[in-house]
C-alpha atoms as a PDB file:
ATOM      1  CA  MET A   1     159.565 143.543   0.047  1.00  0.00           C
ATOM      2  CA  LYS A   2     163.050 141.653   1.064  1.00  0.00           C
ATOM      3  CA  LEU A   3     164.455 140.537   3.955  1.00  0.00           C
ATOM      4  CA  SER A   4     167.200 143.043   4.449  1.00  0.00           C
ATOM      5  CA  ASP A   5     164.446 145.938   4.583  1.00  0.00           C
ATOM      6  CA  LEU A   6     162.588 144.285   7.415  1.00  0.00           C
ATOM      7  CA  GLN A   7     165.947 144.251   8.961  1.00  0.00           C
ATOM      8  CA  GLU A   8     166.026 147.823   9.160  1.00  0.00           C
ATOM      9  CA  LYS A   9     162.664 147.861  11.432  1.00  0.00           C
ATOM     10  CA  ASP A  10     162.547 147.652  15.077  1.00  0.00           C
ATOM     11  CA  VAL A  11     160.132 145.067  16.276  1.00  0.00           C
ATOM     12  CA  VAL A  12     157.222 146.057  18.849  1.00  0.00           C
ATOM     13  CA  ASN A  13     155.036 144.569  21.108  1.00  0.00           C
ATOM     14  CA  VAL A  14     151.552 146.012  20.735  1.00  0.00           C
ATOM     15  CA  ASN A  15     150.446 144.925  24.200  1.00  0.00           C
ATOM     16  CA  ASP A  16     153.099 146.721  26.087  1.00  0.00           C
ATOM     17  CA  GLY A  17     154.793 149.204  23.624  1.00  0.00           C
ATOM     18  CA  ARG A  18     158.127 147.542  24.406  1.00  0.00           C
ATOM     19  CA  ASN A  19     160.882 147.336  21.734  1.00  0.00           C
ATOM     20  CA  VAL A  20     161.734 143.730  21.567  1.00  0.00           C
ATOM     21  CA  GLY A  21     164.649 143.870  19.014  1.00  0.00           C
ATOM     22  CA  ARG A  22     165.487 143.666  15.627  1.00  0.00           C
ATOM     23  CA  ILE A  23     165.252 140.780  12.827  1.00  0.00           C
ATOM     24  CA  ILE A  24     168.352 138.858  12.205  1.00  0.00           C
ATOM     25  CA  ASP A  25     167.391 135.947  10.523  1.00  0.00           C
ATOM     26  CA  ALA A  26     164.246 134.136   8.881  1.00  0.00           C
ATOM     27  CA  GLN A  27     163.908 130.235   8.764  1.00  0.00           C
ATOM     28  CA  ILE A  28     162.496 129.749   5.256  1.00  0.00           C
ATOM     29  CA  ASP A  29     161.108 126.182   4.184  1.00  0.00           C
ATOM     30  CA  GLU A  30     161.655 124.326   0.598  1.00  0.00           C
ATOM     31  CA  SER A  31     158.681 125.970  -1.162  1.00  0.00           C
ATOM     32  CA  GLY A  32     160.582 129.623  -0.482  1.00  0.00           C
ATOM     33  CA  LYS A  33     157.588 130.441   2.315  1.00  0.00           C
ATOM     34  CA  ILE A  34     158.942 132.134   5.461  1.00  0.00           C
ATOM     35  CA  ASN A  35     158.046 129.937   8.840  1.00  0.00           C
ATOM     36  CA  TYR A  36     158.933 132.440  11.184  1.00  0.00           C
ATOM     37  CA  LEU A  37     161.540 135.182  11.906  1.00  0.00           C
ATOM     38  CA  VAL A  38     164.490 135.371  14.166  1.00  0.00           C
ATOM     39  CA  VAL A  39     164.798 138.448  16.407  1.00  0.00           C
ATOM     40  CA  ASP A  40     167.740 139.465  18.325  1.00  0.00           C
ATOM     41  CA  THR A  41     166.435 140.822  21.597  1.00  0.00           C
ATOM     42  CA  LYS A  42     169.942 141.987  23.137  1.00  0.00           C
ATOM     43  CA  LYS A  43     169.419 143.526  26.836  1.00  0.00           C
ATOM     44  CA  GLY A  44     171.837 145.654  28.702  1.00  0.00           C
ATOM     45  CA  ILE A  45     174.957 147.720  28.006  1.00  0.00           C
ATOM     46  CA  ARG A  46     177.010 146.729  24.491  1.00  0.00           C
ATOM     47  CA  GLY A  47     179.947 144.663  25.466  1.00  0.00           C
ATOM     48  CA  PHE A  48     180.563 142.776  28.342  1.00  0.00           C
ATOM     49  CA  PHE A  49     177.206 143.397  30.583  1.00  0.00           C
ATOM     50  CA  SER A  50     175.140 142.454  27.506  1.00  0.00           C
ATOM     51  CA  SER A  51     173.050 139.321  27.252  1.00  0.00           C
ATOM     52  CA  TYR A  52     171.967 137.607  23.734  1.00  0.00           C
ATOM     53  CA  GLN A  53     168.695 135.943  23.230  1.00  0.00           C
ATOM     54  CA  GLU A  54     166.715 135.142  20.204  1.00  0.00           C
ATOM     55  CA  LEU A  55     162.898 135.069  19.919  1.00  0.00           C
ATOM     56  CA  THR A  56     160.922 133.203  16.978  1.00  0.00           C
ATOM     57  CA  ILE A  57     157.879 135.003  15.867  1.00  0.00           C
ATOM     58  CA  THR A  58     155.525 133.267  13.672  1.00  0.00           C
ATOM     59  CA  PHE A  59     153.503 135.263  10.791  1.00  0.00           C
ATOM     60  CA  ASP A  60     150.539 134.906  12.867  1.00  0.00           C
ATOM     61  CA  LYS A  61     151.868 137.081  15.093  1.00  0.00           C
ATOM     62  CA  ILE A  62     152.692 140.441  12.861  1.00  0.00           C
ATOM     63  CA  LYS A  63     150.080 142.723  12.943  1.00  0.00           C
ATOM     64  CA  ARG A  64     151.302 145.646  10.851  1.00  0.00           C
ATOM     65  CA  ILE A  65     154.426 146.056   8.896  1.00  0.00           C
ATOM     66  CA  GLY A  66     154.895 149.693   9.062  1.00  0.00           C
ATOM     67  CA  THR A  67     157.950 152.332   7.727  1.00  0.00           C
ATOM     68  CA  ASP A  68     159.921 152.137  10.924  1.00  0.00           C
ATOM     69  CA  VAL A  69     158.391 149.556  12.882  1.00  0.00           C
ATOM     70  CA  ILE A  70     156.977 145.943  12.765  1.00  0.00           C
ATOM     71  CA  LEU A  71     154.106 145.604  15.169  1.00  0.00           C
ATOM     72  CA  VAL A  72     153.602 142.026  16.771  1.00  0.00           C
ATOM     73  CA  ASP A  73     151.377 140.861  19.433  1.00  0.00           C
ATOM     74  CA  LEU A  74     153.200 138.696  22.069  1.00  0.00           C
END
């Protein structure tokens, strides 16, 4: 699976069903192993009233990668 495939999926918290955001980047070490994923957690209406935050999610927090969503335990 490519990173671009993961970026098309919504990230959802299994504890409360909340849509966390979408993957925008990944941190990869020298051996090619992904250390963590970076999720964009924009909140509010697009434009002036939106706030931009990033959340990092390690692979041990990922519970399942489905066709439309990535389930995480946050």
